[in-house]
Full PDB file with SEQRES, HELIX, SHEET, SSBOND, CRYST1, ORIGX, SCALE, CONECT and MASTER records, all heavy atoms in Angstrom:
SEQRES   1 A   43  LEU HIS GLY VAL LEU VAL VAL LEU PRO ALA ASP GLY PRO          
SEQRES   2 A   43  SER PRO TYR ALA SER PRO PRO PRO ALA LEU SER ALA LEU          
SEQRES   3 A   43  PHE SER ASP LEU GLY THR THR GLY HIS PHE PRO GLY GLU          
SEQRES   4 A   43  PRO TRP SER VAL                                              
HELIX    1 AA1 PRO A   21  ASP A   29  1                                   9    
CRYST1    1.000    1.000    1.000  90.00  90.00  90.00 P 1           1          
ORIGX1      1.000000  0.000000  0.000000        0.00000                         
ORIGX2      0.000000  1.000000  0.000000        0.00000                         
ORIGX3      0.000000  0.000000  1.000000        0.00000                         
SCALE1      1.000000  0.000000  0.000000        0.00000                         
SCALE2      0.000000  1.000000  0.000000        0.00000                         
SCALE3      0.000000  0.000000  1.000000        0.00000                         
ATOM      1  N   LEU A   1     110.400 122.708 131.172  1.00  0.00           N  
ATOM      2  CA  LEU A   1     110.342 121.576 132.088  1.00  0.00           C  
ATOM      3  C   LEU A   1     109.400 121.900 133.243  1.00  0.00           C  
ATOM      4  O   LEU A   1     109.822 122.292 134.337  1.00  0.00           O  
ATOM      5  CB  LEU A   1     111.746 121.212 132.567  1.00  0.00           C  
ATOM      6  CG  LEU A   1     112.649 120.640 131.453  1.00  0.00           C  
ATOM      7  CD1 LEU A   1     114.049 120.388 131.960  1.00  0.00           C  
ATOM      8  CD2 LEU A   1     112.040 119.355 130.869  1.00  0.00           C  
ATOM      9  N   HIS A   2     108.115 121.741 132.989  1.00  0.00           N  
ATOM     10  CA  HIS A   2     107.077 122.049 133.962  1.00  0.00           C  
ATOM     11  C   HIS A   2     105.789 121.321 133.588  1.00  0.00           C  
ATOM     12  O   HIS A   2     105.590 120.930 132.436  1.00  0.00           O  
ATOM     13  CB  HIS A   2     106.817 123.569 134.020  1.00  0.00           C  
ATOM     14  CG  HIS A   2     106.481 124.158 132.679  1.00  0.00           C  
ATOM     15  ND1 HIS A   2     107.300 125.045 132.028  1.00  0.00           N  
ATOM     16  CD2 HIS A   2     105.424 123.973 131.848  1.00  0.00           C  
ATOM     17  CE1 HIS A   2     106.769 125.393 130.877  1.00  0.00           C  
ATOM     18  NE2 HIS A   2     105.622 124.757 130.743  1.00  0.00           N  
ATOM     19  N   GLY A   3     104.938 121.125 134.574  1.00  0.00           N  
ATOM     20  CA  GLY A   3     103.637 120.501 134.358  1.00  0.00           C  
ATOM     21  C   GLY A   3     102.791 120.656 135.602  1.00  0.00           C  
ATOM     22  O   GLY A   3     103.167 121.345 136.553  1.00  0.00           O  
ATOM     23  N   VAL A   4     101.627 120.008 135.622  1.00  0.00           N  
ATOM     24  CA  VAL A   4     100.668 120.141 136.721  1.00  0.00           C  
ATOM     25  C   VAL A   4     100.412 118.771 137.342  1.00  0.00           C  
ATOM     26  O   VAL A   4     100.209 117.781 136.633  1.00  0.00           O  
ATOM     27  CB  VAL A   4      99.344 120.756 136.234  1.00  0.00           C  
ATOM     28  CG1 VAL A   4      98.276 120.703 137.317  1.00  0.00           C  
ATOM     29  CG2 VAL A   4      99.568 122.199 135.788  1.00  0.00           C  
ATOM     30  N   LEU A   5     100.425 118.744 138.674  1.00  0.00           N  
ATOM     31  CA  LEU A   5      99.984 117.592 139.451  1.00  0.00           C  
ATOM     32  C   LEU A   5      98.720 117.998 140.200  1.00  0.00           C  
ATOM     33  O   LEU A   5      98.712 118.989 140.930  1.00  0.00           O  
ATOM     34  CB  LEU A   5     101.070 117.160 140.443  1.00  0.00           C  
ATOM     35  CG  LEU A   5     100.646 116.182 141.541  1.00  0.00           C  
ATOM     36  CD1 LEU A   5     100.256 114.828 140.961  1.00  0.00           C  
ATOM     37  CD2 LEU A   5     101.760 116.024 142.581  1.00  0.00           C  
ATOM     38  N   VAL A   6      97.645 117.240 140.009  1.00  0.00           N  
ATOM     39  CA  VAL A   6      96.388 117.470 140.717  1.00  0.00           C  
ATOM     40  C   VAL A   6      96.171 116.320 141.691  1.00  0.00           C  
ATOM     41  O   VAL A   6      96.225 115.149 141.294  1.00  0.00           O  
ATOM     42  CB  VAL A   6      95.203 117.569 139.739  1.00  0.00           C  
ATOM     43  CG1 VAL A   6      93.877 117.625 140.498  1.00  0.00           C  
ATOM     44  CG2 VAL A   6      95.350 118.788 138.841  1.00  0.00           C  
ATOM     45  N   VAL A   7      95.957 116.667 142.949  1.00  0.00           N  
ATOM     46  CA  VAL A   7      95.671 115.662 143.970  1.00  0.00           C  
ATOM     47  C   VAL A   7      94.242 115.875 144.457  1.00  0.00           C  
ATOM     48  O   VAL A   7      93.874 116.991 144.854  1.00  0.00           O  
ATOM     49  CB  VAL A   7      96.660 115.743 145.149  1.00  0.00           C  
ATOM     50  CG1 VAL A   7      96.346 114.649 146.173  1.00  0.00           C  
ATOM     51  CG2 VAL A   7      98.107 115.606 144.648  1.00  0.00           C  
ATOM     52  N   LEU A   8      93.442 114.821 144.401  1.00  0.00           N  
ATOM     53  CA  LEU A   8      92.037 114.871 144.792  1.00  0.00           C  
ATOM     54  C   LEU A   8      91.848 114.247 146.171  1.00  0.00           C  
ATOM     55  O   LEU A   8      92.620 113.364 146.567  1.00  0.00           O  
ATOM     56  CB  LEU A   8      91.182 114.116 143.771  1.00  0.00           C  
ATOM     57  CG  LEU A   8      91.151 114.703 142.353  1.00  0.00           C  
ATOM     58  CD1 LEU A   8      90.545 113.692 141.396  1.00  0.00           C  
ATOM     59  CD2 LEU A   8      90.368 115.998 142.327  1.00  0.00           C  
ATOM     60  N   PRO A   9      90.819 114.662 146.907  1.00  0.00           N  
ATOM     61  CA  PRO A   9      90.526 114.010 148.188  1.00  0.00           C  
ATOM     62  C   PRO A   9      89.949 112.624 147.967  1.00  0.00           C  
ATOM     63  O   PRO A   9      89.456 112.300 146.884  1.00  0.00           O  
ATOM     64  CB  PRO A   9      89.497 114.955 148.821  1.00  0.00           C  
ATOM     65  CG  PRO A   9      88.818 115.587 147.653  1.00  0.00           C  
ATOM     66  CD  PRO A   9      89.873 115.742 146.588  1.00  0.00           C  
ATOM     67  N   ALA A  10      89.997 111.803 149.014  1.00  0.00           N  
ATOM     68  CA  ALA A  10      89.468 110.450 148.887  1.00  0.00           C  
ATOM     69  C   ALA A  10      87.954 110.449 148.716  1.00  0.00           C  
ATOM     70  O   ALA A  10      87.402 109.570 148.060  1.00  0.00           O  
ATOM     71  CB  ALA A  10      89.871 109.624 150.104  1.00  0.00           C  
ATOM     72  N   ASP A  11      87.257 111.434 149.300  1.00  0.00           N  
ATOM     73  CA  ASP A  11      85.806 111.515 149.164  1.00  0.00           C  
ATOM     74  C   ASP A  11      85.361 112.936 149.486  1.00  0.00           C  
ATOM     75  O   ASP A  11      86.178 113.821 149.735  1.00  0.00           O  
ATOM     76  CB  ASP A  11      85.092 110.507 150.073  1.00  0.00           C  
ATOM     77  CG  ASP A  11      85.554 110.610 151.522  1.00  0.00           C  
ATOM     78  OD1 ASP A  11      85.848 111.732 151.986  1.00  0.00           O  
ATOM     79  OD2 ASP A  11      85.638 109.564 152.192  1.00  0.00           O  
ATOM     80  N   GLY A  12      84.045 113.145 149.469  1.00  0.00           N  
ATOM     81  CA  GLY A  12      83.503 114.458 149.774  1.00  0.00           C  
ATOM     82  C   GLY A  12      83.021 115.190 148.543  1.00  0.00           C  
ATOM     83  O   GLY A  12      83.386 114.848 147.416  1.00  0.00           O  
ATOM     84  N   PRO A  13      82.196 116.244 148.729  1.00  0.00           N  
ATOM     85  CA  PRO A  13      81.592 116.966 147.594  1.00  0.00           C  
ATOM     86  C   PRO A  13      82.489 118.034 146.989  1.00  0.00           C  
ATOM     87  O   PRO A  13      82.089 118.681 146.019  1.00  0.00           O  
ATOM     88  CB  PRO A  13      80.352 117.607 148.225  1.00  0.00           C  
ATOM     89  CG  PRO A  13      80.781 117.879 149.640  1.00  0.00           C  
ATOM     90  CD  PRO A  13      81.682 116.734 150.022  1.00  0.00           C  
ATOM     91  N   SER A  14      83.678 118.267 147.559  1.00  0.00           N  
ATOM     92  CA  SER A  14      84.546 119.336 147.061  1.00  0.00           C  
ATOM     93  C   SER A  14      85.889 118.747 146.645  1.00  0.00           C  
ATOM     94  O   SER A  14      86.189 117.590 146.946  1.00  0.00           O  
ATOM     95  CB  SER A  14      84.747 120.408 148.145  1.00  0.00           C  
ATOM     96  OG  SER A  14      85.847 120.081 148.979  1.00  0.00           O  
ATOM     97  N   PRO A  15      86.719 119.528 145.959  1.00  0.00           N  
ATOM     98  CA  PRO A  15      88.040 119.035 145.562  1.00  0.00           C  
ATOM     99  C   PRO A  15      89.080 119.108 146.672  1.00  0.00           C  
ATOM    100  O   PRO A  15      90.262 118.899 146.410  1.00  0.00           O  
ATOM    101  CB  PRO A  15      88.410 119.967 144.398  1.00  0.00           C  
ATOM    102  CG  PRO A  15      87.672 121.223 144.657  1.00  0.00           C  
ATOM    103  CD  PRO A  15      86.407 120.836 145.355  1.00  0.00           C  
ATOM    104  N   TYR A  16      88.672 119.380 147.899  1.00  0.00           N  
ATOM    105  CA  TYR A  16      89.607 119.582 148.998  1.00  0.00           C  
ATOM    106  C   TYR A  16      89.242 118.696 150.182  1.00  0.00           C  
ATOM    107  O   TYR A  16      88.076 118.349 150.375  1.00  0.00           O  
ATOM    108  CB  TYR A  16      89.617 121.051 149.441  1.00  0.00           C  
ATOM    109  CG  TYR A  16      89.768 122.012 148.290  1.00  0.00           C  
ATOM    110  CD1 TYR A  16      88.692 122.818 147.885  1.00  0.00           C  
ATOM    111  CD2 TYR A  16      90.958 122.110 147.580  1.00  0.00           C  
ATOM    112  CE1 TYR A  16      88.818 123.694 146.818  1.00  0.00           C  
ATOM    113  CE2 TYR A  16      91.090 122.978 146.508  1.00  0.00           C  
ATOM    114  CZ  TYR A  16      90.015 123.771 146.130  1.00  0.00           C  
ATOM    115  OH  TYR A  16      90.136 124.627 145.065  1.00  0.00           O  
ATOM    116  N   ALA A  17      90.242 118.354 150.979  1.00  0.00           N  
ATOM    117  CA  ALA A  17      90.013 117.639 152.224  1.00  0.00           C  
ATOM    118  C   ALA A  17      89.878 118.643 153.362  1.00  0.00           C  
ATOM    119  O   ALA A  17      90.675 119.578 153.463  1.00  0.00           O  
ATOM    120  CB  ALA A  17      91.174 116.682 152.499  1.00  0.00           C  
ATOM    121  N   SER A  18      88.869 118.482 154.193  1.00  0.00           N  
ATOM    122  CA  SER A  18      88.642 119.343 155.364  1.00  0.00           C  
ATOM    123  C   SER A  18      88.678 120.828 155.002  1.00  0.00           C  
ATOM    124  O   SER A  18      89.448 121.608 155.579  1.00  0.00           O  
ATOM    125  CB  SER A  18      89.679 119.047 156.450  1.00  0.00           C  
ATOM    126  OG  SER A  18      89.635 117.691 156.828  1.00  0.00           O  
ATOM    127  N   PRO A  19      87.862 121.279 154.032  1.00  0.00           N  
ATOM    128  CA  PRO A  19      87.853 122.709 153.692  1.00  0.00           C  
ATOM    129  C   PRO A  19      87.289 123.542 154.837  1.00  0.00           C  
ATOM    130  O   PRO A  19      86.510 123.044 155.651  1.00  0.00           O  
ATOM    131  CB  PRO A  19      86.937 122.773 152.465  1.00  0.00           C  
ATOM    132  CG  PRO A  19      86.049 121.577 152.597  1.00  0.00           C  
ATOM    133  CD  PRO A  19      86.887 120.511 153.241  1.00  0.00           C  
ATOM    134  N   PRO A  20      87.683 124.832 154.927  1.00  0.00           N  
ATOM    135  CA  PRO A  20      87.106 125.726 155.947  1.00  0.00           C  
ATOM    136  C   PRO A  20      85.582 125.804 155.801  1.00  0.00           C  
ATOM    137  O   PRO A  20      85.032 125.497 154.732  1.00  0.00           O  
ATOM    138  CB  PRO A  20      87.778 127.074 155.650  1.00  0.00           C  
ATOM    139  CG  PRO A  20      89.007 126.741 154.883  1.00  0.00           C  
ATOM    140  CD  PRO A  20      88.688 125.506 154.106  1.00  0.00           C  
ATOM    141  N   PRO A  21      84.872 126.228 156.848  1.00  0.00           N  
ATOM    142  CA  PRO A  21      83.397 126.204 156.831  1.00  0.00           C  
ATOM    143  C   PRO A  21      82.777 126.913 155.629  1.00  0.00           C  
ATOM    144  O   PRO A  21      81.844 126.384 155.013  1.00  0.00           O  
ATOM    145  CB  PRO A  21      83.028 126.881 158.150  1.00  0.00           C  
ATOM    146  CG  PRO A  21      84.179 126.598 159.060  1.00  0.00           C  
ATOM    147  CD  PRO A  21      85.400 126.619 158.173  1.00  0.00           C  
ATOM    148  N   ALA A  22      83.258 128.120 155.294  1.00  0.00           N  
ATOM    149  CA  ALA A  22      82.643 128.863 154.188  1.00  0.00           C  
ATOM    150  C   ALA A  22      82.850 128.141 152.868  1.00  0.00           C  
ATOM    151  O   ALA A  22      81.957 128.102 152.007  1.00  0.00           O  
ATOM    152  CB  ALA A  22      83.217 130.278 154.120  1.00  0.00           C  
ATOM    153  N   LEU A  23      84.033 127.554 152.678  1.00  0.00           N  
ATOM    154  CA  LEU A  23      84.321 126.835 151.435  1.00  0.00           C  
ATOM    155  C   LEU A  23      83.528 125.540 151.372  1.00  0.00           C  
ATOM    156  O   LEU A  23      82.986 125.168 150.315  1.00  0.00           O  
ATOM    157  CB  LEU A  23      85.820 126.556 151.345  1.00  0.00           C  
ATOM    158  CG  LEU A  23      86.350 126.029 150.021  1.00  0.00           C  
ATOM    159  CD1 LEU A  23      86.017 126.980 148.877  1.00  0.00           C  
ATOM    160  CD2 LEU A  23      87.864 125.813 150.104  1.00  0.00           C  
ATOM    161  N   SER A  24      83.414 124.874 152.492  1.00  0.00           N  
ATOM    162  CA  SER A  24      82.597 123.660 152.549  1.00  0.00           C  
ATOM    163  C   SER A  24      81.143 123.973 152.232  1.00  0.00           C  
ATOM    164  O   SER A  24      80.478 123.236 151.480  1.00  0.00           O  
ATOM    165  CB  SER A  24      82.719 123.030 153.935  1.00  0.00           C  
ATOM    166  OG  SER A  24      81.903 121.892 154.047  1.00  0.00           O  
ATOM    167  N   ALA A  25      80.633 125.097 152.786  1.00  0.00           N  
ATOM    168  CA  ALA A  25      79.242 125.481 152.535  1.00  0.00           C  
ATOM    169  C   ALA A  25      79.017 125.801 151.061  1.00  0.00           C  
ATOM    170  O   ALA A  25      77.963 125.473 150.494  1.00  0.00           O  
ATOM    171  CB  ALA A  25      78.880 126.681 153.403  1.00  0.00           C  
ATOM    172  N   LEU A  26      80.003 126.429 150.412  1.00  0.00           N  
ATOM    173  CA  LEU A  26      79.875 126.769 148.996  1.00  0.00           C  
ATOM    174  C   LEU A  26      79.655 125.510 148.166  1.00  0.00           C  
ATOM    175  O   LEU A  26      78.711 125.438 147.360  1.00  0.00           O  
ATOM    176  CB  LEU A  26      81.127 127.511 148.525  1.00  0.00           C  
ATOM    177  CG  LEU A  26      81.257 127.739 147.020  1.00  0.00           C  
ATOM    178  CD1 LEU A  26      80.121 128.613 146.494  1.00  0.00           C  
ATOM    179  CD2 LEU A  26      82.610 128.366 146.686  1.00  0.00           C  
ATOM    180  N   PHE A  27      80.496 124.500 148.340  1.00  0.00           N  
ATOM    181  CA  PHE A  27      80.362 123.293 147.529  1.00  0.00           C  
ATOM    182  C   PHE A  27      79.127 122.489 147.925  1.00  0.00           C  
ATOM    183  O   PHE A  27      78.499 121.845 147.067  1.00  0.00           O  
ATOM    184  CB  PHE A  27      81.632 122.448 147.633  1.00  0.00           C  
ATOM    185  CG  PHE A  27      82.742 122.932 146.737  1.00  0.00           C  
ATOM    186  CD1 PHE A  27      83.681 123.834 147.201  1.00  0.00           C  
ATOM    187  CD2 PHE A  27      82.829 122.502 145.424  1.00  0.00           C  
ATOM    188  CE1 PHE A  27      84.697 124.295 146.381  1.00  0.00           C  
ATOM    189  CE2 PHE A  27      83.841 122.953 144.587  1.00  0.00           C  
ATOM    190  CZ  PHE A  27      84.776 123.850 145.063  1.00  0.00           C  
ATOM    191  N   SER A  28      78.739 122.531 149.203  1.00  0.00           N  
ATOM    192  CA  SER A  28      77.533 121.828 149.628  1.00  0.00           C  
ATOM    193  C   SER A  28      76.277 122.482 149.072  1.00  0.00           C  
ATOM    194  O   SER A  28      75.270 121.807 148.831  1.00  0.00           O  
ATOM    195  CB  SER A  28      77.457 121.793 151.154  1.00  0.00           C  
ATOM    196  OG  SER A  28      78.528 121.042 151.695  1.00  0.00           O  
ATOM    197  N   ASP A  29      76.320 123.798 148.858  1.00  0.00           N  
ATOM    198  CA  ASP A  29      75.155 124.527 148.345  1.00  0.00           C  
ATOM    199  C   ASP A  29      74.925 124.302 146.855  1.00  0.00           C  
ATOM    200  O   ASP A  29      73.799 124.488 146.368  1.00  0.00           O  
ATOM    201  CB  ASP A  29      75.315 126.033 148.590  1.00  0.00           C  
ATOM    202  CG  ASP A  29      75.058 126.423 150.039  1.00  0.00           C  
ATOM    203  OD1 ASP A  29      74.644 125.551 150.824  1.00  0.00           O  
ATOM    204  OD2 ASP A  29      75.288 127.600 150.383  1.00  0.00           O  
ATOM    205  N   LEU A  30      75.967 123.929 146.122  1.00  0.00           N  
ATOM    206  CA  LEU A  30      75.833 123.793 144.667  1.00  0.00           C  
ATOM    207  C   LEU A  30      74.807 122.717 144.329  1.00  0.00           C  
ATOM    208  O   LEU A  30      74.940 121.562 144.708  1.00  0.00           O  
ATOM    209  CB  LEU A  30      77.185 123.446 144.038  1.00  0.00           C  
ATOM    210  CG  LEU A  30      78.293 124.500 144.182  1.00  0.00           C  
ATOM    211  CD1 LEU A  30      79.620 123.959 143.661  1.00  0.00           C  
ATOM    212  CD2 LEU A  30      77.918 125.791 143.448  1.00  0.00           C  
ATOM    213  N   GLY A  31      73.765 123.126 143.612  1.00  0.00           N  
ATOM    214  CA  GLY A  31      72.727 122.195 143.189  1.00  0.00           C  
ATOM    215  C   GLY A  31      71.719 121.835 144.251  1.00  0.00           C  
ATOM    216  O   GLY A  31      70.809 121.032 143.995  1.00  0.00           O  
ATOM    217  N   THR A  32      71.838 122.439 145.450  1.00  0.00           N  
ATOM    218  CA  THR A  32      70.910 122.085 146.531  1.00  0.00           C  
ATOM    219  C   THR A  32      70.178 123.281 147.093  1.00  0.00           C  
ATOM    220  O   THR A  32      69.317 123.116 147.971  1.00  0.00           O  
ATOM    221  CB  THR A  32      71.665 121.391 147.683  1.00  0.00           C  
ATOM    222  OG1 THR A  32      72.574 122.311 148.288  1.00  0.00           O  
ATOM    223  CG2 THR A  32      72.426 120.165 147.189  1.00  0.00           C  
ATOM    224  N   THR A  33      70.502 124.492 146.616  1.00  0.00           N  
ATOM    225  CA  THR A  33      69.893 125.707 147.164  1.00  0.00           C  
ATOM    226  C   THR A  33      69.348 126.569 146.032  1.00  0.00           C  
ATOM    227  O   THR A  33      69.742 126.418 144.868  1.00  0.00           O  
ATOM    228  CB  THR A  33      70.933 126.515 147.958  1.00  0.00           C  
ATOM    229  OG1 THR A  33      72.047 126.824 147.095  1.00  0.00           O  
ATOM    230  CG2 THR A  33      71.440 125.732 149.160  1.00  0.00           C  
ATOM    231  N   GLY A  34      68.461 127.496 146.397  1.00  0.00           N  
ATOM    232  CA  GLY A  34      67.859 128.371 145.403  1.00  0.00           C  
ATOM    233  C   GLY A  34      68.854 129.275 144.724  1.00  0.00           C  
ATOM    234  O   GLY A  34      68.688 129.622 143.544  1.00  0.00           O  
ATOM    235  N   HIS A  35      69.905 129.707 145.433  1.00  0.00           N  
ATOM    236  CA  HIS A  35      70.863 130.614 144.807  1.00  0.00           C  
ATOM    237  C   HIS A  35      71.888 129.877 143.960  1.00  0.00           C  
ATOM    238  O   HIS A  35      72.641 130.509 143.216  1.00  0.00           O  
ATOM    239  CB  HIS A  35      71.561 131.487 145.863  1.00  0.00           C  
ATOM    240  CG  HIS A  35      72.149 130.742 147.005  1.00  0.00           C  
ATOM    241  ND1 HIS A  35      71.376 130.307 148.058  1.00  0.00           N  
ATOM    242  CD2 HIS A  35      73.417 130.355 147.282  1.00  0.00           C  
ATOM    243  CE1 HIS A  35      72.142 129.687 148.942  1.00  0.00           C  
ATOM    244  NE2 HIS A  35      73.390 129.695 148.482  1.00  0.00           N  
ATOM    245  N   PHE A  36      71.985 128.539 144.056  1.00  0.00           N  
ATOM    246  CA  PHE A  36      72.843 127.743 143.176  1.00  0.00           C  
ATOM    247  C   PHE A  36      72.030 126.607 142.578  1.00  0.00           C  
ATOM    248  O   PHE A  36      72.244 125.440 142.903  1.00  0.00           O  
ATOM    249  CB  PHE A  36      74.054 127.178 143.925  1.00  0.00           C  
ATOM    250  CG  PHE A  36      75.078 128.203 144.301  1.00  0.00           C  
ATOM    251  CD1 PHE A  36      75.486 128.325 145.617  1.00  0.00           C  
ATOM    252  CD2 PHE A  36      75.646 129.038 143.352  1.00  0.00           C  
ATOM    253  CE1 PHE A  36      76.438 129.264 145.975  1.00  0.00           C  
ATOM    254  CE2 PHE A  36      76.598 129.975 143.700  1.00  0.00           C  
ATOM    255  CZ  PHE A  36      76.997 130.098 145.016  1.00  0.00           C  
ATOM    256  N   PRO A  37      71.046 126.918 141.727  1.00  0.00           N  
ATOM    257  CA  PRO A  37      70.238 125.847 141.136  1.00  0.00           C  
ATOM    258  C   PRO A  37      71.073 125.027 140.156  1.00  0.00           C  
ATOM    259  O   PRO A  37      72.079 125.499 139.621  1.00  0.00           O  
ATOM    260  CB  PRO A  37      69.124 126.621 140.416  1.00  0.00           C  
ATOM    261  CG  PRO A  37      69.757 127.935 140.063  1.00  0.00           C  
ATOM    262  CD  PRO A  37      70.687 128.254 141.208  1.00  0.00           C  
ATOM    263  N   GLY A  38      70.657 123.801 139.949  1.00  0.00           N  
ATOM    264  CA  GLY A  38      71.361 122.978 138.973  1.00  0.00           C  
ATOM    265  C   GLY A  38      71.927 121.733 139.604  1.00  0.00           C  
ATOM    266  O   GLY A  38      71.213 120.952 140.243  1.00  0.00           O  
ATOM    267  N   GLU A  39      73.233 121.544 139.459  1.00  0.00           N  
ATOM    268  CA  GLU A  39      73.880 120.306 139.884  1.00  0.00           C  
ATOM    269  C   GLU A  39      75.057 120.611 140.805  1.00  0.00           C  
ATOM    270  O   GLU A  39      75.632 121.708 140.746  1.00  0.00           O  
ATOM    271  CB  GLU A  39      74.385 119.537 138.658  1.00  0.00           C  
ATOM    272  CG  GLU A  39      73.312 119.214 137.632  1.00  0.00           C  
ATOM    273  CD  GLU A  39      73.898 118.615 136.363  1.00  0.00           C  
ATOM    274  OE1 GLU A  39      75.108 118.283 136.361  1.00  0.00           O  
ATOM    275  OE2 GLU A  39      73.149 118.497 135.376  1.00  0.00           O  
ATOM    276  N   PRO A  40      75.463 119.649 141.627  1.00  0.00           N  
ATOM    277  CA  PRO A  40      76.699 119.814 142.389  1.00  0.00           C  
ATOM    278  C   PRO A  40      77.909 119.813 141.453  1.00  0.00           C  
ATOM    279  O   PRO A  40      77.818 119.413 140.290  1.00  0.00           O  
ATOM    280  CB  PRO A  40      76.720 118.583 143.311  1.00  0.00           C  
ATOM    281  CG  PRO A  40      75.325 118.036 143.283  1.00  0.00           C  
ATOM    282  CD  PRO A  40      74.753 118.410 141.949  1.00  0.00           C  
ATOM    283  N   TRP A  41      79.045 120.253 141.986  1.00  0.00           N  
ATOM    284  CA  TRP A  41      80.285 120.123 141.216  1.00  0.00           C  
ATOM    285  C   TRP A  41      80.666 118.653 141.117  1.00  0.00           C  
ATOM    286  O   TRP A  41      80.457 117.879 142.059  1.00  0.00           O  
ATOM    287  CB  TRP A  41      81.412 120.892 141.895  1.00  0.00           C  
ATOM    288  CG  TRP A  41      82.742 120.660 141.214  1.00  0.00           C  
ATOM    289  CD1 TRP A  41      83.168 121.200 140.038  1.00  0.00           C  
ATOM    290  CD2 TRP A  41      83.790 119.801 141.657  1.00  0.00           C  
ATOM    291  NE1 TRP A  41      84.422 120.729 139.717  1.00  0.00           N  
ATOM    292  CE2 TRP A  41      84.827 119.867 140.699  1.00  0.00           C  
ATOM    293  CE3 TRP A  41      83.955 118.967 142.774  1.00  0.00           C  
ATOM    294  CZ2 TRP A  41      86.021 119.149 140.814  1.00  0.00           C  
ATOM    295  CZ3 TRP A  41      85.137 118.243 142.900  1.00  0.00           C  
ATOM    296  CH2 TRP A  41      86.154 118.337 141.922  1.00  0.00           C  
ATOM    297  N   SER A  42      81.207 118.248 139.984  1.00  0.00           N  
ATOM    298  CA  SER A  42      81.748 116.895 139.820  1.00  0.00           C  
ATOM    299  C   SER A  42      83.119 117.007 139.180  1.00  0.00           C  
ATOM    300  O   SER A  42      83.426 117.965 138.466  1.00  0.00           O  
ATOM    301  CB  SER A  42      80.820 116.028 138.962  1.00  0.00           C  
ATOM    302  OG  SER A  42      80.706 116.560 137.657  1.00  0.00           O  
ATOM    303  N   VAL A  43      83.952 116.025 139.426  1.00  0.00           N  
ATOM    304  CA  VAL A  43      85.351 116.096 139.019  1.00  0.00           C  
ATOM    305  C   VAL A  43      85.498 116.181 137.497  1.00  0.00           C  
ATOM    306  O   VAL A  43      86.481 116.710 136.984  1.00  0.00           O  
ATOM    307  CB  VAL A  43      86.142 114.898 139.591  1.00  0.00           C  
ATOM    308  CG1 VAL A  43      85.723 113.602 138.922  1.00  0.00           C  
ATOM    309  CG2 VAL A  43      87.637 115.120 139.485  1.00  0.00           C  
TER     310      VAL A  43                                                      
MASTER        0    0    0    1    0    0    0    6  309    1    0    4          
END                                                                             
């Protein structure tokens, strides 16, 4: 008798609301910087 509940933020580039600065920078860098080439994270 167990399962998973996932709660997403209403908006923003990360899966969290008001993430700390370093975590916010990580998701903002995805797909926009040389060290994270490619695409941003998507749900």
